[in-house]
Protein backbone atom coordinates (compact mmCIF):
# COMPACT_ATOMS: atom_id res chain seq x y z
CA MET A 1 -23.07 -4.78 66.76
CA GLY A 2 -19.87 -6.55 67.82
CA CYS A 3 -17.91 -5.28 64.81
CA LEU A 4 -17.06 -1.98 63.21
CA LEU A 5 -19.47 -1.97 60.33
CA PRO A 6 -21.96 0.77 59.47
CA ASP A 7 -25.42 0.43 60.95
CA THR A 8 -26.97 2.97 58.54
CA TYR A 9 -26.92 3.01 54.73
CA LEU A 10 -27.93 5.94 52.54
CA ILE A 11 -28.50 3.90 49.39
CA GLY A 12 -29.87 6.32 46.82
CA ALA A 13 -31.20 7.44 44.60
CA PRO A 14 -28.32 9.19 42.84
CA LYS A 15 -28.87 12.90 42.13
CA ALA A 16 -31.67 12.99 44.72
CA GLY A 17 -29.83 14.94 47.41
CA THR A 18 -27.79 12.13 48.95
CA THR A 19 -24.53 14.11 49.02
CA SER A 20 -26.27 16.92 50.90
CA ILE A 21 -27.82 14.45 53.36
CA ALA A 22 -24.46 12.73 53.89
CA ASN A 23 -22.73 16.05 54.60
CA TRP A 24 -25.48 17.14 56.98
CA LEU A 25 -25.26 13.87 58.88
CA ALA A 26 -21.46 14.15 59.00
CA GLU A 27 -21.86 17.47 60.83
CA HIS A 28 -23.80 15.79 63.65
CA PRO A 29 -21.63 15.11 66.72
CA ASP A 30 -23.09 11.62 67.18
CA VAL A 31 -22.65 10.48 63.56
CA TYR A 32 -19.65 9.16 61.72
CA PHE A 33 -20.04 9.16 57.94
CA SER A 34 -17.51 7.32 55.79
CA VAL A 35 -14.98 9.12 53.64
CA PRO A 36 -15.48 8.54 50.77
CA LYS A 37 -19.25 8.70 50.95
CA GLU A 38 -19.59 5.84 48.44
CA PRO A 39 -17.21 2.90 48.97
CA TYR A 40 -19.58 0.47 47.17
CA PHE A 41 -18.16 -2.48 49.13
CA TRP A 42 -21.37 -4.51 49.43
CA ALA A 43 -22.25 -4.26 45.71
CA ASP A 44 -20.20 -7.20 44.49
CA ASP A 45 -22.25 -7.24 41.29
CA TYR A 46 -20.48 -3.94 40.45
CA PRO A 47 -16.89 -5.24 40.85
CA ARG A 48 -15.08 -2.57 38.83
CA LEU A 49 -16.97 0.20 40.58
CA ARG A 50 -15.97 -0.86 44.07
CA SER A 51 -12.43 -1.72 42.94
CA HIS A 52 -12.12 1.78 41.47
CA TYR A 53 -12.79 3.29 44.88
CA GLY A 54 -10.36 0.90 46.54
CA PHE A 55 -12.63 -1.04 48.90
CA SER A 56 -13.00 -4.49 47.38
CA ASP A 57 -12.03 -6.39 50.53
CA LEU A 58 -13.51 -6.41 54.02
CA ALA A 59 -10.28 -5.31 55.70
CA SER A 60 -10.04 -2.07 53.69
CA TYR A 61 -13.76 -1.43 54.22
CA ARG A 62 -13.50 -1.93 57.99
CA GLU A 63 -10.60 0.50 58.01
CA LEU A 64 -13.02 3.26 56.99
CA PHE A 65 -14.74 2.84 60.37
CA SER A 66 -11.74 2.12 62.59
CA SER A 67 -10.96 5.64 63.85
CA SER A 68 -11.72 6.67 67.42
CA CYS A 69 -14.45 8.99 66.09
CA ALA A 70 -16.11 6.10 64.26
CA VAL A 71 -15.86 3.80 67.27
CA ALA A 72 -17.41 6.41 69.57
CA ALA A 73 -20.23 7.42 67.20
CA GLN A 74 -23.82 6.58 67.97
CA VAL A 75 -24.47 6.14 64.22
CA ARG A 76 -21.98 4.89 61.65
CA ALA A 77 -23.07 5.40 58.06
CA GLU A 78 -22.06 5.26 54.43
CA GLY A 79 -23.82 6.37 51.26
CA SER A 80 -23.26 4.18 48.20
CA THR A 81 -26.14 5.11 45.92
CA PHE A 82 -25.93 2.07 43.66
CA TYR A 83 -26.89 -0.21 46.54
CA LEU A 84 -30.45 0.73 45.57
CA TYR A 85 -30.04 -1.00 42.21
CA SER A 86 -27.64 -3.78 43.16
CA GLU A 87 -29.04 -7.30 43.35
CA THR A 88 -26.54 -8.29 46.05
CA ALA A 89 -25.77 -5.23 48.18
CA VAL A 90 -28.82 -5.17 50.44
CA PRO A 91 -28.82 -8.96 51.04
CA ASN A 92 -25.08 -8.76 51.79
CA ILE A 93 -25.63 -5.91 54.24
CA CYS A 94 -28.54 -7.63 55.98
CA ALA A 95 -26.52 -10.83 56.37
CA ALA A 96 -23.64 -8.95 58.02
CA VAL A 97 -25.67 -6.31 59.90
CA PRO A 98 -29.14 -7.78 60.63
CA ASP A 99 -30.52 -4.56 62.14
CA ALA A 100 -29.18 -2.26 59.42
CA ARG A 101 -31.21 0.84 58.63
CA PHE A 102 -31.67 2.22 55.14
CA ILE A 103 -32.32 5.78 53.96
CA VAL A 104 -33.68 6.40 50.45
CA ALA A 105 -34.09 9.78 48.77
CA LEU A 106 -36.59 9.85 45.89
CA ARG A 107 -36.97 12.33 43.04
CA ASN A 108 -39.07 12.89 39.97
CA PRO A 109 -37.54 10.33 37.56
CA VAL A 110 -37.25 12.70 34.58
CA ASP A 111 -35.25 15.25 36.55
CA LEU A 112 -33.27 12.43 38.12
CA VAL A 113 -32.11 10.77 34.89
CA VAL A 114 -31.27 14.09 33.22
CA SER A 115 -29.11 15.13 36.17
CA TYR A 116 -27.71 11.63 36.51
CA HIS A 117 -26.70 11.55 32.84
CA ARG A 118 -24.67 14.72 33.42
CA SER A 119 -22.96 13.05 36.39
CA GLN A 120 -21.93 10.13 34.19
CA VAL A 121 -20.38 12.52 31.67
CA VAL A 122 -18.43 14.10 34.53
CA ALA A 123 -17.43 10.63 35.80
CA LEU A 124 -16.09 9.75 32.31
CA ASN A 125 -18.46 6.79 31.99
CA GLU A 126 -20.49 8.61 29.33
CA SER A 127 -19.17 10.54 26.33
CA GLU A 128 -22.53 11.46 24.74
CA ARG A 129 -23.35 14.91 26.10
CA ASP A 130 -26.87 15.03 24.61
CA PHE A 131 -29.26 13.34 27.01
CA GLY A 132 -31.83 12.45 24.36
CA THR A 133 -29.27 10.58 22.28
CA ALA A 134 -27.93 8.73 25.33
CA TRP A 135 -31.48 7.89 26.45
CA HIS A 136 -32.48 6.40 23.09
CA ARG A 137 -29.23 4.44 22.92
CA SER A 138 -29.98 2.99 26.36
CA LEU A 139 -33.55 2.08 25.39
CA VAL A 140 -32.42 -0.12 22.51
CA GLY A 141 -29.49 -1.62 24.38
CA GLU A 142 -26.73 -0.15 22.24
CA LEU A 143 -23.28 0.03 23.81
CA PRO A 144 -21.58 3.37 24.49
CA ASP A 145 -18.27 4.26 22.88
CA THR A 146 -16.67 4.51 26.33
CA ASP A 147 -15.50 1.92 28.86
CA PRO A 148 -17.74 2.60 31.86
CA LEU A 149 -16.89 1.04 35.20
CA ASP A 150 -20.12 -0.92 34.77
CA LEU A 151 -22.54 -0.91 31.85
CA LYS A 152 -25.46 -0.90 34.31
CA GLN A 153 -24.42 2.63 35.23
CA LEU A 154 -25.55 3.77 31.78
CA ASP A 155 -28.92 2.00 31.89
CA TYR A 156 -30.88 5.23 32.31
CA PRO A 157 -34.35 3.60 32.28
CA ARG A 158 -33.24 1.30 35.12
CA VAL A 159 -31.78 4.16 37.15
CA GLY A 160 -35.01 6.15 36.86
CA SER A 161 -37.27 3.21 37.78
CA LEU A 162 -37.46 3.99 41.48
CA GLY A 163 -40.71 2.06 41.95
CA ARG A 164 -39.04 -1.14 40.84
CA ALA A 165 -36.00 -0.42 43.03
CA MET A 166 -38.14 0.31 46.10
CA SER A 167 -40.21 -2.81 45.51
CA ARG A 168 -37.05 -4.91 45.57
CA LEU A 169 -35.76 -3.15 48.71
CA LEU A 170 -39.02 -3.56 50.64
CA SER A 171 -39.16 -7.25 49.73
CA ARG A 172 -35.89 -7.66 51.63
CA VAL A 173 -36.07 -5.13 54.48
CA PRO A 174 -38.95 -4.46 56.94
CA LYS A 175 -40.57 -1.08 56.32
CA GLU A 176 -39.74 0.15 59.82
CA ARG A 177 -36.03 -0.02 58.96
CA VAL A 178 -36.44 2.04 55.79
CA HIS A 179 -36.72 5.83 55.86
CA VAL A 180 -37.91 7.50 52.65
CA LEU A 181 -37.63 11.20 51.89
CA ALA A 182 -38.37 13.36 48.87
CA PHE A 183 -35.93 15.57 47.00
CA ASP A 184 -38.63 18.24 46.61
CA ASP A 185 -39.09 18.34 50.40
CA LEU A 186 -35.33 18.56 50.81
CA GLN A 187 -35.35 21.73 48.73
CA ARG A 188 -38.56 23.18 50.17
CA ASP A 189 -38.21 22.43 53.89
CA PRO A 190 -34.85 20.89 54.79
CA ALA A 191 -35.38 21.51 58.49
CA GLU A 192 -38.46 19.28 58.53
CA VAL A 193 -36.68 16.60 56.50
CA TRP A 194 -33.86 16.76 59.05
CA ARG A 195 -36.27 16.47 61.97
CA ARG A 196 -37.83 13.30 60.55
CA LEU A 197 -34.48 11.82 59.60
CA THR A 198 -32.96 12.32 63.05
CA ALA A 199 -36.09 10.86 64.64
CA PHE A 200 -35.68 7.75 62.47
CA LEU A 201 -32.04 7.46 63.57
CA ALA A 202 -32.89 8.20 67.23
CA LEU A 203 -30.62 11.24 67.16
CA ALA A 204 -31.09 14.68 68.67
CA ALA A 205 -32.22 17.14 65.99
CA GLU A 206 -29.91 19.78 67.43
CA PRO A 207 -27.44 21.00 66.53
CA ALA A 208 -28.97 21.31 63.07
CA PRO A 209 -26.65 21.41 60.04
CA ARG A 210 -26.24 24.45 57.81
CA PHE A 211 -28.45 22.90 55.08
CA VAL A 212 -26.02 23.73 52.29
CA ALA A 213 -26.70 21.98 48.96
CA HIS A 214 -23.85 19.75 47.75
CA ASN A 215 -22.94 18.12 44.41
CA THR A 216 -25.31 20.09 42.22
CA SER A 217 -25.29 19.43 38.44
CA ASP A 218 -23.69 22.72 37.47
CA LYS A 219 -20.00 21.94 36.99
CA ALA A 220 -17.58 20.48 34.47
CA ALA A 221 -13.89 19.56 34.58
CA ARG A 222 -11.68 22.60 34.03
CA TYR A 223 -8.79 20.42 32.83
CA PRO A 224 -10.22 17.34 31.05
CA LEU A 225 -6.87 15.58 30.59
CA MET A 226 -5.96 16.02 34.24
CA ARG A 227 -9.43 14.81 35.20
CA ARG A 228 -8.92 11.65 33.17
CA VAL A 229 -5.54 10.95 34.72
CA ALA A 230 -6.91 11.48 38.24
CA HIS A 231 -10.16 9.58 37.78
CA ARG A 232 -9.47 6.92 35.12
CA PRO A 233 -5.70 6.43 35.07
CA GLY A 234 -5.56 2.93 33.58
CA SER A 235 -4.78 -0.37 35.27
CA VAL A 236 -1.06 0.30 35.93
CA LEU A 237 -1.71 3.49 37.90
CA GLU A 238 -5.14 2.64 39.28
CA ARG A 239 -4.03 1.52 42.75
CA PRO A 240 -1.61 4.40 43.53
CA VAL A 241 -4.01 6.99 42.10
CA ALA A 242 -6.85 5.55 44.24
CA ALA A 243 -4.60 5.93 47.30
CA ILE A 244 -3.87 9.55 46.38
CA ARG A 245 -7.58 10.25 45.89
CA GLN A 246 -8.35 8.83 49.34
CA TRP A 247 -5.53 10.87 50.89
CA SER A 248 -6.92 14.03 49.29
CA ARG A 249 -10.33 13.33 50.82
CA THR A 250 -9.04 12.90 54.35
CA THR A 251 -5.97 15.14 54.62
CA SER A 252 -5.94 18.37 56.59
CA VAL A 253 -3.00 19.75 54.58
CA PRO A 254 -3.76 23.42 53.81
CA GLY A 255 -4.70 24.22 50.23
CA VAL A 256 -5.72 20.72 49.13
CA ARG A 257 -9.44 21.51 49.25
CA THR A 258 -8.93 24.77 47.36
CA LEU A 259 -6.86 22.97 44.73
CA LYS A 260 -9.58 20.36 44.25
CA GLN A 261 -12.22 23.06 43.87
CA ARG A 262 -10.13 24.76 41.18
CA MET A 263 -10.30 21.56 39.12
CA TRP A 264 -13.91 22.46 38.26
CA ARG A 265 -15.56 25.24 36.30
CA PRO A 266 -19.19 26.37 36.33
CA ASP A 267 -21.37 24.81 33.66
CA ALA A 268 -25.02 25.35 32.74
CA ARG A 269 -27.49 22.88 34.19
CA PRO A 270 -28.81 20.40 31.61
CA GLN A 271 -32.12 21.33 29.98
CA LEU A 272 -34.70 19.14 28.26
CA SER A 273 -37.13 20.06 25.49
CA ALA A 274 -40.83 19.75 26.27
CA GLY A 275 -41.19 16.90 23.77
CA MET A 276 -38.28 14.93 25.17
CA ARG A 277 -39.51 15.49 28.70
CA ALA A 278 -42.96 14.19 27.79
CA GLU A 279 -41.43 11.10 26.16
CA VAL A 280 -39.33 10.22 29.23
CA ALA A 281 -42.24 10.96 31.57
CA ALA A 282 -44.48 8.58 29.62
CA TYR A 283 -41.87 5.84 29.96
CA PHE A 284 -41.84 6.18 33.76
CA GLU A 285 -45.59 6.69 34.27
CA ARG A 286 -46.37 3.17 35.53
CA ASP A 287 -43.25 3.02 37.67
CA VAL A 288 -44.24 6.30 39.35
CA GLU A 289 -47.62 4.75 40.14
CA LEU A 290 -45.88 1.70 41.60
CA LEU A 291 -43.68 3.95 43.74
CA ALA A 292 -46.71 5.86 45.04
CA SER A 293 -48.35 2.59 46.05
CA LEU A 294 -45.26 1.59 48.06
CA THR A 295 -44.40 4.88 49.75
CA SER A 296 -45.98 8.14 50.80
CA VAL A 297 -43.75 10.04 48.37
CA ASP A 298 -45.32 11.42 45.19
CA THR A 299 -42.65 11.95 42.53
CA SER A 300 -45.11 12.86 39.75
CA GLY A 301 -45.39 16.55 40.61
CA SER A 302 -43.30 17.85 37.72
CA LEU A 303 -44.31 15.23 35.19
CA PRO A 304 -46.21 16.63 32.15
């Protein structure tokens, strides 16, 4: 490519298995996956989001792919899930990396938005723990009582509208450079999903990863105040805290990973009443039909 930029982008959807896919790819000897998984550099219509992760300029972004491992890799990849919804990310990527490949994981939209809502509570963008209340607030355009990194992150109808997102992507990128997979298949037959994914990337399927699930929606912060300081420290501390976060992701210092794991406690997975589920499913019905017309993935399996 003539420059150290990723050639492969795992762009969503959030809560559709992208963290598992990223970790599996990172285990492959011919793949280099960025740390962090989601630098958000190309999404300049989400300025606070990419600034929060510390990669607002090209120099810092290139640095993610400057190691000898990255240089030697057959595939260099990153996994910013909001590229799927960004109006600028994919055009920016295609302008800089004309042959870029895109991977999209799709999921039933009801399950997706319920799990995604939980992730926004964990990320401190959302304070309303009841999904139904947050959903109805989003439908009428009311503002949350928090200061999210970007209000678009709390637009739950938009996040669940995967048909609309895929339509926009395929209007910009040839289909042969887009690989689509289903979250249900990821759970049911990860080995087959892996085989198809490695074929798309022209990689050997062996050695296969361990197929461990990552970033499931079953945790909460053990120490909420410490979580807030570490994740949303305020403008004065934002830059040094971002540097510490990045160090903690990449360091080999013993005990750091264990300490990070202890910051979380188990929490029950979010549940939805039958009535609420039917209401959300009805909202997404036409978008699911649009998605089916664009891809071979049927996300309607668990809709009422």
